[in-house]
Amino acid sequence: MAVKIRLTRMGAKKNPFYRFVAADSKAPRDGKFLDILGTYDPMKDPAEVKVHKEKVNYWLGKGALVSESARAILKKQGLFGLH
């Protein structure tokens, strides 16, 4: 089972809210996941990002891959590549 760190969409229509999740790479975008790693709210100014650093580092240490969008946000937070 390949694990990916990616975003899952929450919130209402035209009011998106995202969670960082660790999920099986074959699971649907908003489907089953293994762990919630944080949140991302692009509607606030500036965008609000809350991430559990320990959980992200745990999954990166286990060999989880990171999606492009999640990688860009984590990089801005200075969290990517800290495992």
C-alpha atoms as a PDB file:
ATOM      1  CA  MET A   1       0.000   0.000   0.000  1.00  0.00           C
ATOM      2  CA  ALA A   2       1.507   3.311  -1.110  1.00  0.00           C
ATOM      3  CA  VAL A   3       0.666   6.181   1.225  1.00  0.00           C
ATOM      4  CA  LYS A   4       0.294   9.747  -0.009  1.00  0.00           C
ATOM      5  CA  ILE A   5       0.081  13.005   1.899  1.00  0.00           C
ATOM      6  CA  ARG A   6      -2.506  15.071   0.077  1.00  0.00           C
ATOM      7  CA  LEU A   7      -5.379  17.519   0.460  1.00  0.00           C
ATOM      8  CA  THR A   8      -9.004  16.502   0.851  1.00  0.00           C
ATOM      9  CA  ARG A   9     -11.707  19.084   0.209  1.00  0.00           C
ATOM     10  CA  MET A  10     -14.200  20.023   2.891  1.00  0.00           C
ATOM     11  CA  GLY A  11     -16.505  23.004   3.333  1.00  0.00           C
ATOM     12  CA  ALA A  12     -19.439  24.355   1.397  1.00  0.00           C
ATOM     13  CA  LYS A  13     -19.908  25.277  -2.224  1.00  0.00           C
ATOM     14  CA  LYS A  14     -17.660  28.240  -3.143  1.00  0.00           C
ATOM     15  CA  ASN A  15     -16.194  28.131   0.373  1.00  0.00           C
ATOM     16  CA  PRO A  16     -13.446  25.492   0.257  1.00  0.00           C
ATOM     17  CA  PHE A  17     -11.604  24.202   3.295  1.00  0.00           C
ATOM     18  CA  TYR A  18      -8.953  21.487   3.063  1.00  0.00           C
ATOM     19  CA  ARG A  19      -7.419  18.868   5.338  1.00  0.00           C
ATOM     20  CA  PHE A  20      -3.944  17.440   4.975  1.00  0.00           C
ATOM     21  CA  VAL A  21      -4.401  13.682   5.184  1.00  0.00           C
ATOM     22  CA  ALA A  22      -2.309  10.559   4.852  1.00  0.00           C
ATOM     23  CA  ALA A  23      -4.249   8.232   2.561  1.00  0.00           C
ATOM     24  CA  ASP A  24      -3.792   5.159   0.415  1.00  0.00           C
ATOM     25  CA  SER A  25      -2.816   6.360  -3.058  1.00  0.00           C
ATOM     26  CA  LYS A  26      -5.696   4.365  -4.602  1.00  0.00           C
ATOM     27  CA  ALA A  27      -8.382   5.884  -2.340  1.00  0.00           C
ATOM     28  CA  PRO A  28     -10.584   8.649  -3.791  1.00  0.00           C
ATOM     29  CA  ARG A  29      -9.726  12.298  -3.036  1.00  0.00           C
ATOM     30  CA  ASP A  30     -12.454  12.723  -0.425  1.00  0.00           C
ATOM     31  CA  GLY A  31     -12.571   9.064   0.559  1.00  0.00           C
ATOM     32  CA  LYS A  32     -11.038   6.935   3.270  1.00  0.00           C
ATOM     33  CA  PHE A  33      -7.823   8.180   4.897  1.00  0.00           C
ATOM     34  CA  LEU A  34      -5.370   6.923   7.506  1.00  0.00           C
ATOM     35  CA  ASP A  35      -4.605  10.076   9.513  1.00  0.00           C
ATOM     36  CA  ILE A  36      -5.453  13.798   9.606  1.00  0.00           C
ATOM     37  CA  LEU A  37      -2.240  15.835   9.519  1.00  0.00           C
ATOM     38  CA  GLY A  38      -3.566  19.395   9.528  1.00  0.00           C
ATOM     39  CA  THR A  39      -5.805  21.959   7.854  1.00  0.00           C
ATOM     40  CA  TYR A  40      -5.583  24.614   5.148  1.00  0.00           C
ATOM     41  CA  ASP A  41      -8.076  27.488   4.772  1.00  0.00           C
ATOM     42  CA  PRO A  42      -7.417  29.465   1.557  1.00  0.00           C
ATOM     43  CA  MET A  43     -10.402  31.793   2.121  1.00  0.00           C
ATOM     44  CA  LYS A  44      -8.730  33.711   4.951  1.00  0.00           C
ATOM     45  CA  ASP A  45      -6.313  36.526   4.203  1.00  0.00           C
ATOM     46  CA  PRO A  46      -3.546  35.393   4.500  1.00  0.00           C
ATOM     47  CA  ALA A  47      -4.355  31.710   4.013  1.00  0.00           C
ATOM     48  CA  GLU A  48      -4.382  29.832   7.321  1.00  0.00           C
ATOM     49  CA  VAL A  49      -2.327  26.646   7.605  1.00  0.00           C
ATOM     50  CA  LYS A  50      -2.200  24.431  10.696  1.00  0.00           C
ATOM     51  CA  VAL A  51      -0.028  21.326  10.493  1.00  0.00           C
ATOM     52  CA  HIS A  52       0.942  18.679  13.060  1.00  0.00           C
ATOM     53  CA  LYS A  53       4.701  18.554  12.401  1.00  0.00           C
ATOM     54  CA  GLU A  54       5.221  15.296  14.275  1.00  0.00           C
ATOM     55  CA  LYS A  55       2.578  13.469  12.238  1.00  0.00           C
ATOM     56  CA  VAL A  56       3.948  14.809   8.929  1.00  0.00           C
ATOM     57  CA  ASN A  57       7.476  13.740   9.868  1.00  0.00           C
ATOM     58  CA  TYR A  58       6.185  10.322  10.975  1.00  0.00           C
ATOM     59  CA  TRP A  59       4.520   9.639   7.621  1.00  0.00           C
ATOM     60  CA  LEU A  60       7.464  11.009   5.629  1.00  0.00           C
ATOM     61  CA  GLY A  61       9.710   8.700   7.658  1.00  0.00           C
ATOM     62  CA  LYS A  62       7.456   5.772   6.695  1.00  0.00           C
ATOM     63  CA  GLY A  63       8.002   6.594   3.012  1.00  0.00           C
ATOM     64  CA  ALA A  64       4.830   8.519   2.220  1.00  0.00           C
ATOM     65  CA  LEU A  65       4.784  10.451  -1.046  1.00  0.00           C
ATOM     66  CA  VAL A  66       3.513  14.042  -1.142  1.00  0.00           C
ATOM     67  CA  SER A  67       1.157  15.481  -3.756  1.00  0.00           C
ATOM     68  CA  GLU A  68       2.258  18.594  -5.641  1.00  0.00           C
ATOM     69  CA  SER A  69      -0.281  20.910  -4.014  1.00  0.00           C
ATOM     70  CA  ALA A  70       0.454  19.628  -0.503  1.00  0.00           C
ATOM     71  CA  ARG A  71       4.207  19.866  -1.177  1.00  0.00           C
ATOM     72  CA  ALA A  72       3.919  23.539  -2.205  1.00  0.00           C
ATOM     73  CA  ILE A  73       1.984  24.456   0.946  1.00  0.00           C
ATOM     74  CA  LEU A  74       4.283  22.471   3.252  1.00  0.00           C
ATOM     75  CA  LYS A  75       7.339  24.024   1.611  1.00  0.00           C
ATOM     76  CA  LYS A  76       5.995  27.529   2.319  1.00  0.00           C
ATOM     77  CA  GLN A  77       5.573  26.484   5.952  1.00  0.00           C
ATOM     78  CA  GLY A  78       9.144  25.171   6.055  1.00  0.00           C
ATOM     79  CA  LEU A  79       8.028  21.624   6.863  1.00  0.00           C
ATOM     80  CA  PHE A  80       8.865  19.691   3.736  1.00  0.00           C
ATOM     81  CA  GLY A  81      12.037  17.642   3.893  1.00  0.00           C
ATOM     82  CA  LEU A  82      12.413  17.744   7.681  1.00  0.00           C
ATOM     83  CA  HIS A  83      12.031  13.998   8.262  1.00  0.00           C
END
